[in-house]
Amino acid sequence: MLVSRISAQLRPLLLHSFRGIHASHSAAAAWKIGNLNHVAIACPDLEKATSLYRDILGAKVSEKQALHDHGVYVVFVQLGEAKIELLHPLGDKSPIQKFLQRNKNGGVHHICIEVDNIEAAMKDLKSKNIGLLSEKSKIGAHGKPVVFLNPKDCNGVLVEVEEK
């Protein structure tokens, strides 16, 4: 299956995105990295992007959701076990608005990986000098705690960590 192959190909990349830092034996006991949850794509035209995946490619897509705490509209495209998250700005102060100002046609914004214990993961990652973009996790689009990791510490990749 294409999604399984893509997920299998991305997993090594995700595991090595943390500046070559691997979970130590003690960290492995406290938390574990899981599956790729989604790849987020910033879209200047959310309806056009949704139509591409739904009407042209035939994928199952969710309804548009407004996430006020994150300043975005989201639509999820289901691809087997993983998803594509289409993002569009919600308000002028949206982080996606800033991204689209630099990338007029949109593009990949972040990746999201699952962990089994977000609090333990946050504590361990901080102890290994991986910067968190917020001190506390927030509730994300799936109703679960999320936190973003500083791209400077993850080989230039904005990584969202979501509790399973």
N, C-alpha and C. Protein backbone atom coordinates (compact mmCIF):
# COMPACT_ATOMS: atom_id res chain seq x y z
N MET A 1 0.85 -1.18 0.00
CA MET A 1 0.00 0.00 0.00
C MET A 1 0.89 1.24 0.00
N LEU A 2 0.54 2.24 -0.79
CA LEU A 2 1.34 3.44 -0.95
C LEU A 2 1.56 4.15 0.37
N VAL A 3 0.50 4.32 1.18
CA VAL A 3 0.65 5.04 2.45
C VAL A 3 1.61 4.31 3.38
N SER A 4 1.52 2.99 3.44
CA SER A 4 2.43 2.22 4.28
C SER A 4 3.86 2.41 3.82
N ARG A 5 4.05 2.41 2.50
CA ARG A 5 5.40 2.59 1.96
C ARG A 5 5.90 3.99 2.29
N ILE A 6 5.05 5.00 2.15
CA ILE A 6 5.45 6.37 2.48
C ILE A 6 5.75 6.47 3.96
N SER A 7 4.88 5.92 4.81
CA SER A 7 5.11 5.96 6.25
C SER A 7 6.40 5.26 6.60
N ALA A 8 6.68 4.11 5.98
CA ALA A 8 7.91 3.38 6.24
C ALA A 8 9.12 4.19 5.80
N GLN A 9 8.99 4.92 4.71
CA GLN A 9 10.09 5.74 4.23
C GLN A 9 10.30 6.96 5.10
N LEU A 10 9.23 7.54 5.65
CA LEU A 10 9.34 8.73 6.47
C LEU A 10 9.79 8.43 7.89
N ARG A 11 9.49 7.25 8.41
CA ARG A 11 9.81 6.92 9.80
C ARG A 11 11.29 7.14 10.11
N PRO A 12 12.26 6.64 9.28
CA PRO A 12 13.67 6.91 9.59
C PRO A 12 13.97 8.41 9.60
N LEU A 13 13.37 9.16 8.69
CA LEU A 13 13.57 10.60 8.66
C LEU A 13 13.08 11.23 9.95
N LEU A 14 11.89 10.83 10.41
CA LEU A 14 11.35 11.37 11.65
C LEU A 14 12.23 11.03 12.83
N LEU A 15 12.70 9.80 12.88
CA LEU A 15 13.53 9.38 14.00
C LEU A 15 14.85 10.12 14.04
N HIS A 16 15.34 10.56 12.87
CA HIS A 16 16.61 11.27 12.82
C HIS A 16 16.44 12.78 12.75
N SER A 17 15.23 13.29 12.81
CA SER A 17 14.99 14.72 12.73
C SER A 17 15.44 15.46 13.97
N PHE A 18 15.60 14.77 15.06
CA PHE A 18 15.94 15.42 16.32
C PHE A 18 17.45 15.57 16.48
N ARG A 19 18.10 16.22 15.51
CA ARG A 19 19.53 16.50 15.53
C ARG A 19 20.35 15.27 15.89
N GLY A 20 19.92 14.09 15.44
CA GLY A 20 20.68 12.89 15.72
C GLY A 20 20.50 12.35 17.13
N ILE A 21 19.60 12.95 17.90
CA ILE A 21 19.37 12.48 19.27
C ILE A 21 18.42 11.30 19.23
N HIS A 22 18.79 10.24 19.89
CA HIS A 22 17.94 9.05 19.98
C HIS A 22 17.46 8.92 21.41
N ALA A 23 16.29 8.37 21.59
CA ALA A 23 15.76 8.17 22.94
C ALA A 23 16.69 7.25 23.72
N SER A 24 17.04 7.67 24.92
CA SER A 24 17.89 6.84 25.76
C SER A 24 17.06 5.72 26.36
N HIS A 25 17.77 4.77 26.98
CA HIS A 25 17.06 3.64 27.58
C HIS A 25 16.06 4.13 28.62
N SER A 26 16.45 5.12 29.45
CA SER A 26 15.53 5.61 30.48
C SER A 26 14.36 6.36 29.85
N ALA A 27 14.62 7.10 28.74
CA ALA A 27 13.52 7.81 28.07
C ALA A 27 12.55 6.82 27.44
N ALA A 28 13.09 5.74 26.89
CA ALA A 28 12.23 4.74 26.25
C ALA A 28 11.24 4.16 27.26
N ALA A 29 11.64 4.08 28.50
CA ALA A 29 10.74 3.56 29.54
C ALA A 29 9.65 4.57 29.86
N ALA A 30 9.94 5.88 29.71
CA ALA A 30 8.99 6.93 30.07
C ALA A 30 8.06 7.29 28.91
N TRP A 31 8.54 7.22 27.68
CA TRP A 31 7.71 7.56 26.52
C TRP A 31 8.28 6.87 25.28
N LYS A 32 7.41 6.73 24.30
CA LYS A 32 7.79 6.07 23.06
C LYS A 32 7.24 6.84 21.87
N ILE A 33 8.06 6.96 20.83
CA ILE A 33 7.61 7.58 19.59
C ILE A 33 6.68 6.59 18.87
N GLY A 34 5.67 7.14 18.21
CA GLY A 34 4.71 6.29 17.52
C GLY A 34 4.69 6.54 16.03
N ASN A 35 3.51 6.52 15.47
CA ASN A 35 3.32 6.66 14.03
C ASN A 35 3.33 8.09 13.55
N LEU A 36 3.52 8.24 12.25
CA LEU A 36 3.28 9.53 11.60
C LEU A 36 1.78 9.76 11.66
N ASN A 37 1.35 10.88 12.23
CA ASN A 37 -0.08 11.18 12.28
C ASN A 37 -0.49 11.93 11.02
N HIS A 38 0.24 13.03 10.72
CA HIS A 38 -0.10 13.77 9.51
C HIS A 38 1.07 14.63 9.04
N VAL A 39 0.97 15.05 7.78
CA VAL A 39 1.82 16.07 7.19
C VAL A 39 0.90 17.25 6.92
N ALA A 40 1.27 18.42 7.43
CA ALA A 40 0.43 19.61 7.28
C ALA A 40 0.90 20.46 6.11
N ILE A 41 -0.05 20.88 5.30
CA ILE A 41 0.23 21.70 4.12
C ILE A 41 -0.55 23.00 4.25
N ALA A 42 0.17 24.11 4.22
CA ALA A 42 -0.47 25.43 4.23
C ALA A 42 -1.01 25.72 2.84
N CYS A 43 -2.26 26.20 2.78
CA CYS A 43 -2.95 26.40 1.50
C CYS A 43 -3.49 27.82 1.41
N PRO A 44 -3.14 28.54 0.34
CA PRO A 44 -3.72 29.87 0.16
C PRO A 44 -5.21 29.80 -0.18
N ASP A 45 -5.66 28.70 -0.79
CA ASP A 45 -7.06 28.51 -1.17
C ASP A 45 -7.50 27.13 -0.65
N LEU A 46 -8.13 27.12 0.52
CA LEU A 46 -8.49 25.86 1.17
C LEU A 46 -9.52 25.07 0.36
N GLU A 47 -10.48 25.76 -0.25
CA GLU A 47 -11.50 25.06 -1.03
C GLU A 47 -10.89 24.38 -2.26
N LYS A 48 -9.97 25.06 -2.92
CA LYS A 48 -9.30 24.50 -4.09
C LYS A 48 -8.47 23.28 -3.69
N ALA A 49 -7.74 23.38 -2.57
CA ALA A 49 -6.92 22.26 -2.10
C ALA A 49 -7.81 21.08 -1.70
N THR A 50 -8.90 21.36 -1.00
CA THR A 50 -9.83 20.30 -0.60
C THR A 50 -10.40 19.61 -1.82
N SER A 51 -10.77 20.38 -2.83
CA SER A 51 -11.32 19.82 -4.06
C SER A 51 -10.31 18.92 -4.77
N LEU A 52 -9.04 19.30 -4.77
CA LEU A 52 -8.01 18.47 -5.39
C LEU A 52 -8.01 17.07 -4.79
N TYR A 53 -7.97 16.99 -3.46
CA TYR A 53 -7.89 15.68 -2.81
C TYR A 53 -9.21 14.91 -2.88
N ARG A 54 -10.34 15.61 -2.73
CA ARG A 54 -11.64 14.95 -2.72
C ARG A 54 -12.13 14.63 -4.12
N ASP A 55 -12.18 15.64 -5.00
CA ASP A 55 -12.84 15.50 -6.29
C ASP A 55 -11.95 14.94 -7.39
N ILE A 56 -10.67 15.25 -7.34
CA ILE A 56 -9.77 14.79 -8.39
C ILE A 56 -9.06 13.50 -7.99
N LEU A 57 -8.54 13.45 -6.77
CA LEU A 57 -7.81 12.26 -6.33
C LEU A 57 -8.71 11.22 -5.66
N GLY A 58 -9.92 11.60 -5.28
CA GLY A 58 -10.88 10.66 -4.72
C GLY A 58 -10.67 10.28 -3.27
N ALA A 59 -9.98 11.12 -2.52
CA ALA A 59 -9.73 10.83 -1.10
C ALA A 59 -10.92 11.24 -0.24
N LYS A 60 -11.01 10.63 0.92
CA LYS A 60 -12.01 11.01 1.92
C LYS A 60 -11.47 12.22 2.69
N VAL A 61 -12.25 13.30 2.73
CA VAL A 61 -11.83 14.51 3.43
C VAL A 61 -12.86 14.88 4.49
N SER A 62 -12.37 15.54 5.53
CA SER A 62 -13.25 15.97 6.62
C SER A 62 -13.90 17.31 6.27
N GLU A 63 -14.82 17.71 7.09
CA GLU A 63 -15.37 19.06 7.00
C GLU A 63 -14.32 20.05 7.49
N LYS A 64 -14.43 21.29 7.08
CA LYS A 64 -13.54 22.34 7.55
C LYS A 64 -13.83 22.64 9.01
N GLN A 65 -12.78 22.72 9.82
CA GLN A 65 -12.89 23.05 11.23
C GLN A 65 -12.13 24.34 11.51
N ALA A 66 -12.66 25.17 12.38
CA ALA A 66 -11.96 26.36 12.84
C ALA A 66 -11.31 26.03 14.18
N LEU A 67 -10.00 26.19 14.26
CA LEU A 67 -9.27 25.99 15.52
C LEU A 67 -8.79 27.35 16.01
N HIS A 68 -9.62 28.01 16.78
CA HIS A 68 -9.34 29.38 17.21
C HIS A 68 -8.06 29.49 18.04
N ASP A 69 -7.80 28.51 18.92
CA ASP A 69 -6.59 28.55 19.75
C ASP A 69 -5.31 28.47 18.93
N HIS A 70 -5.39 27.90 17.74
CA HIS A 70 -4.22 27.75 16.88
C HIS A 70 -4.23 28.74 15.71
N GLY A 71 -5.34 29.47 15.52
CA GLY A 71 -5.43 30.45 14.46
C GLY A 71 -5.49 29.87 13.06
N VAL A 72 -6.14 28.70 12.92
CA VAL A 72 -6.19 28.05 11.61
C VAL A 72 -7.55 27.41 11.35
N TYR A 73 -7.83 27.25 10.07
CA TYR A 73 -8.87 26.34 9.60
C TYR A 73 -8.14 25.07 9.18
N VAL A 74 -8.75 23.92 9.42
CA VAL A 74 -8.13 22.67 9.00
C VAL A 74 -9.15 21.78 8.28
N VAL A 75 -8.64 21.02 7.35
CA VAL A 75 -9.37 19.94 6.68
C VAL A 75 -8.41 18.76 6.66
N PHE A 76 -8.89 17.58 7.05
CA PHE A 76 -8.05 16.39 7.05
C PHE A 76 -8.38 15.50 5.87
N VAL A 77 -7.33 15.04 5.21
CA VAL A 77 -7.43 14.11 4.09
C VAL A 77 -6.94 12.76 4.62
N GLN A 78 -7.83 11.77 4.64
CA GLN A 78 -7.48 10.46 5.19
C GLN A 78 -6.74 9.64 4.15
N LEU A 79 -5.56 9.14 4.52
CA LEU A 79 -4.75 8.29 3.64
C LEU A 79 -4.30 7.07 4.43
N GLY A 80 -5.15 6.09 4.54
CA GLY A 80 -4.80 4.91 5.33
C GLY A 80 -4.65 5.29 6.79
N GLU A 81 -3.49 4.98 7.36
CA GLU A 81 -3.24 5.29 8.77
C GLU A 81 -2.82 6.73 9.00
N ALA A 82 -2.31 7.38 7.99
CA ALA A 82 -1.84 8.76 8.12
C ALA A 82 -2.81 9.71 7.42
N LYS A 83 -2.60 11.01 7.66
CA LYS A 83 -3.46 12.03 7.07
C LYS A 83 -2.60 13.15 6.49
N ILE A 84 -3.22 13.91 5.62
CA ILE A 84 -2.71 15.21 5.22
C ILE A 84 -3.62 16.22 5.91
N GLU A 85 -3.03 17.21 6.54
CA GLU A 85 -3.79 18.27 7.19
C GLU A 85 -3.64 19.53 6.33
N LEU A 86 -4.74 19.97 5.74
CA LEU A 86 -4.73 21.20 4.96
C LEU A 86 -4.99 22.35 5.92
N LEU A 87 -4.11 23.35 5.90
CA LEU A 87 -4.19 24.50 6.81
C LEU A 87 -4.45 25.78 6.05
N HIS A 88 -5.28 26.62 6.64
CA HIS A 88 -5.56 27.95 6.07
C HIS A 88 -5.67 28.93 7.23
N PRO A 89 -5.21 30.17 7.05
CA PRO A 89 -5.23 31.13 8.15
C PRO A 89 -6.65 31.43 8.67
N LEU A 90 -6.73 31.58 9.97
CA LEU A 90 -7.94 32.04 10.65
C LEU A 90 -7.55 33.33 11.34
N GLY A 91 -7.74 34.44 10.67
CA GLY A 91 -7.35 35.74 11.22
C GLY A 91 -5.98 36.19 10.76
N ASP A 92 -5.73 37.49 10.91
CA ASP A 92 -4.48 38.10 10.45
C ASP A 92 -3.26 37.69 11.25
N LYS A 93 -3.44 37.25 12.48
CA LYS A 93 -2.30 36.89 13.33
C LYS A 93 -2.00 35.39 13.29
N SER A 94 -2.61 34.70 12.37
CA SER A 94 -2.39 33.27 12.22
C SER A 94 -0.95 32.98 11.83
N PRO A 95 -0.32 31.98 12.45
CA PRO A 95 1.03 31.61 12.01
C PRO A 95 1.04 31.13 10.56
N ILE A 96 -0.07 30.64 10.08
CA ILE A 96 -0.16 30.19 8.69
C ILE A 96 -0.16 31.39 7.75
N GLN A 97 -0.73 32.50 8.18
CA GLN A 97 -0.70 33.72 7.36
C GLN A 97 0.73 34.16 7.13
N LYS A 98 1.54 34.12 8.18
CA LYS A 98 2.96 34.50 8.05
C LYS A 98 3.69 33.53 7.11
N PHE A 99 3.38 32.25 7.23
CA PHE A 99 3.99 31.24 6.36
C PHE A 99 3.63 31.51 4.90
N LEU A 100 2.35 31.81 4.65
CA LEU A 100 1.89 32.05 3.28
C LEU A 100 2.44 33.35 2.69
N GLN A 101 2.77 34.32 3.55
CA GLN A 101 3.40 35.54 3.05
C GLN A 101 4.78 35.23 2.46
N ARG A 102 5.47 34.24 3.05
CA ARG A 102 6.79 33.84 2.57
C ARG A 102 6.70 32.79 1.46
N ASN A 103 5.58 32.05 1.43
CA ASN A 103 5.39 30.96 0.47
C ASN A 103 4.03 31.14 -0.20
N LYS A 104 3.97 31.98 -1.21
CA LYS A 104 2.69 32.39 -1.81
C LYS A 104 1.83 31.22 -2.30
N ASN A 105 2.46 30.16 -2.77
CA ASN A 105 1.71 29.01 -3.28
C ASN A 105 1.41 27.97 -2.21
N GLY A 106 1.83 28.23 -0.98
CA GLY A 106 1.65 27.27 0.10
C GLY A 106 2.79 26.27 0.11
N GLY A 107 2.61 25.20 0.87
CA GLY A 107 3.64 24.17 0.94
C GLY A 107 3.58 23.43 2.26
N VAL A 108 4.51 22.48 2.42
CA VAL A 108 4.55 21.68 3.64
C VAL A 108 4.91 22.61 4.80
N HIS A 109 4.09 22.58 5.83
CA HIS A 109 4.28 23.43 7.01
C HIS A 109 4.93 22.67 8.16
N HIS A 110 4.42 21.47 8.47
CA HIS A 110 4.99 20.68 9.56
C HIS A 110 4.62 19.21 9.41
N ILE A 111 5.28 18.39 10.21
CA ILE A 111 4.91 16.98 10.33
C ILE A 111 4.45 16.75 11.76
N CYS A 112 3.60 15.77 11.93
CA CYS A 112 3.09 15.44 13.27
C CYS A 112 3.35 13.96 13.54
N ILE A 113 4.01 13.71 14.66
CA ILE A 113 4.26 12.33 15.08
C ILE A 113 3.59 12.10 16.43
N GLU A 114 3.19 10.87 16.63
CA GLU A 114 2.51 10.50 17.87
C GLU A 114 3.51 10.01 18.91
N VAL A 115 3.21 10.29 20.16
CA VAL A 115 3.95 9.74 21.30
C VAL A 115 2.92 9.19 22.27
N ASP A 116 3.34 8.25 23.09
CA ASP A 116 2.39 7.66 24.02
C ASP A 116 2.24 8.45 25.31
N ASN A 117 3.17 9.37 25.61
CA ASN A 117 3.11 10.18 26.83
C ASN A 117 3.74 11.53 26.53
N ILE A 118 2.92 12.51 26.24
CA ILE A 118 3.45 13.81 25.80
C ILE A 118 4.20 14.53 26.91
N GLU A 119 3.74 14.44 28.13
CA GLU A 119 4.43 15.14 29.23
C GLU A 119 5.83 14.56 29.43
N ALA A 120 5.96 13.25 29.42
CA ALA A 120 7.28 12.62 29.56
C ALA A 120 8.16 12.97 28.37
N ALA A 121 7.58 12.97 27.17
CA ALA A 121 8.35 13.32 25.97
C ALA A 121 8.85 14.75 26.06
N MET A 122 7.99 15.68 26.47
CA MET A 122 8.38 17.09 26.59
C MET A 122 9.53 17.25 27.58
N LYS A 123 9.41 16.62 28.71
CA LYS A 123 10.45 16.71 29.74
C LYS A 123 11.78 16.14 29.22
N ASP A 124 11.72 15.00 28.59
CA ASP A 124 12.92 14.35 28.08
C ASP A 124 13.54 15.16 26.95
N LEU A 125 12.73 15.63 26.02
CA LEU A 125 13.26 16.42 24.90
C LEU A 125 13.91 17.71 25.40
N LYS A 126 13.28 18.37 26.37
CA LYS A 126 13.88 19.59 26.95
C LYS A 126 15.23 19.28 27.59
N SER A 127 15.32 18.14 28.28
CA SER A 127 16.59 17.77 28.92
C SER A 127 17.68 17.50 27.89
N LYS A 128 17.28 17.22 26.65
CA LYS A 128 18.23 16.97 25.56
C LYS A 128 18.38 18.19 24.66
N ASN A 129 18.00 19.37 25.19
CA ASN A 129 18.15 20.65 24.49
C ASN A 129 17.35 20.76 23.21
N ILE A 130 16.22 20.09 23.15
CA ILE A 130 15.29 20.28 22.04
C ILE A 130 14.27 21.32 22.51
N GLY A 131 14.24 22.45 21.84
CA GLY A 131 13.35 23.53 22.25
C GLY A 131 11.89 23.24 21.94
N LEU A 132 11.03 23.59 22.88
CA LEU A 132 9.59 23.49 22.68
C LEU A 132 9.09 24.89 22.39
N LEU A 133 8.14 25.02 21.48
CA LEU A 133 7.63 26.35 21.13
C LEU A 133 6.60 26.87 22.13
N SER A 134 6.22 26.03 23.10
CA SER A 134 5.37 26.47 24.21
C SER A 134 5.73 25.63 25.42
N GLU A 135 5.54 26.20 26.59
CA GLU A 135 5.88 25.49 27.83
C GLU A 135 4.89 24.38 28.15
N LYS A 136 3.66 24.54 27.71
CA LYS A 136 2.62 23.55 27.99
C LYS A 136 2.01 23.09 26.67
N SER A 137 1.51 21.87 26.68
CA SER A 137 0.82 21.38 25.50
C SER A 137 -0.54 22.06 25.39
N LYS A 138 -1.08 22.09 24.17
CA LYS A 138 -2.42 22.60 23.90
C LYS A 138 -3.24 21.46 23.33
N ILE A 139 -4.53 21.62 23.32
CA ILE A 139 -5.40 20.63 22.68
C ILE A 139 -5.43 20.92 21.19
N GLY A 140 -5.12 19.91 20.38
CA GLY A 140 -5.06 20.05 18.94
C GLY A 140 -6.36 19.66 18.25
N ALA A 141 -6.30 19.55 16.95
CA ALA A 141 -7.47 19.30 16.11
C ALA A 141 -8.14 17.96 16.41
N HIS A 142 -7.38 17.00 16.93
CA HIS A 142 -7.95 15.69 17.23
C HIS A 142 -8.42 15.58 18.68
N GLY A 143 -8.42 16.72 19.40
CA GLY A 143 -8.85 16.72 20.79
C GLY A 143 -7.82 16.13 21.74
N LYS A 144 -6.57 16.06 21.30
CA LYS A 144 -5.49 15.48 22.10
C LYS A 144 -4.41 16.53 22.32
N PRO A 145 -3.61 16.39 23.39
CA PRO A 145 -2.54 17.35 23.65
C PRO A 145 -1.47 17.32 22.55
N VAL A 146 -1.02 18.52 22.16
CA VAL A 146 0.04 18.67 21.17
C VAL A 146 1.03 19.73 21.64
N VAL A 147 2.24 19.65 21.12
CA VAL A 147 3.26 20.67 21.32
C VAL A 147 4.14 20.67 20.08
N PHE A 148 4.66 21.85 19.73
CA PHE A 148 5.54 21.97 18.58
C PHE A 148 6.98 22.09 19.06
N LEU A 149 7.89 21.46 18.32
CA LEU A 149 9.31 21.50 18.62
C LEU A 149 9.98 22.53 17.72
N ASN A 150 11.00 23.18 18.26
CA ASN A 150 11.70 24.21 17.52
C ASN A 150 12.40 23.61 16.30
N PRO A 151 12.10 24.13 15.11
CA PRO A 151 12.72 23.59 13.89
C PRO A 151 14.25 23.70 13.91
N LYS A 152 14.79 24.67 14.63
CA LYS A 152 16.25 24.82 14.70
C LYS A 152 16.90 23.59 15.32
N ASP A 153 16.14 22.89 16.16
CA ASP A 153 16.66 21.71 16.83
C ASP A 153 16.27 20.41 16.13
N CYS A 154 15.53 20.52 15.04
CA CYS A 154 15.02 19.33 14.33
C CYS A 154 15.36 19.39 12.84
N ASN A 155 16.57 19.77 12.52
CA ASN A 155 17.05 19.83 11.14
C ASN A 155 16.18 20.69 10.24
N GLY A 156 15.65 21.79 10.78
CA GLY A 156 14.84 22.71 9.99
C GLY A 156 13.40 22.28 9.81
N VAL A 157 12.98 21.20 10.43
CA VAL A 157 11.61 20.70 10.28
C VAL A 157 10.79 21.10 11.51
N LEU A 158 9.65 21.74 11.28
CA LEU A 158 8.72 22.01 12.36
C LEU A 158 8.01 20.70 12.67
N VAL A 159 8.20 20.20 13.89
CA VAL A 159 7.63 18.92 14.29
C VAL A 159 6.57 19.17 15.35
N GLU A 160 5.39 18.63 15.10
CA GLU A 160 4.32 18.64 16.09
C GLU A 160 4.30 17.25 16.73
N VAL A 161 4.24 17.23 18.05
CA VAL A 161 4.17 15.97 18.78
C VAL A 161 2.76 15.90 19.37
N GLU A 162 2.07 14.79 19.11
CA GLU A 162 0.69 14.62 19.57
C GLU A 162 0.59 13.35 20.42
N GLU A 163 -0.06 13.48 21.56
CA GLU A 163 -0.27 12.29 22.37
C GLU A 163 -1.28 11.37 21.70
N LYS A 164 -0.96 10.10 21.67
CA LYS A 164 -1.79 9.08 21.03
C LYS A 164 -3.12 8.93 21.71
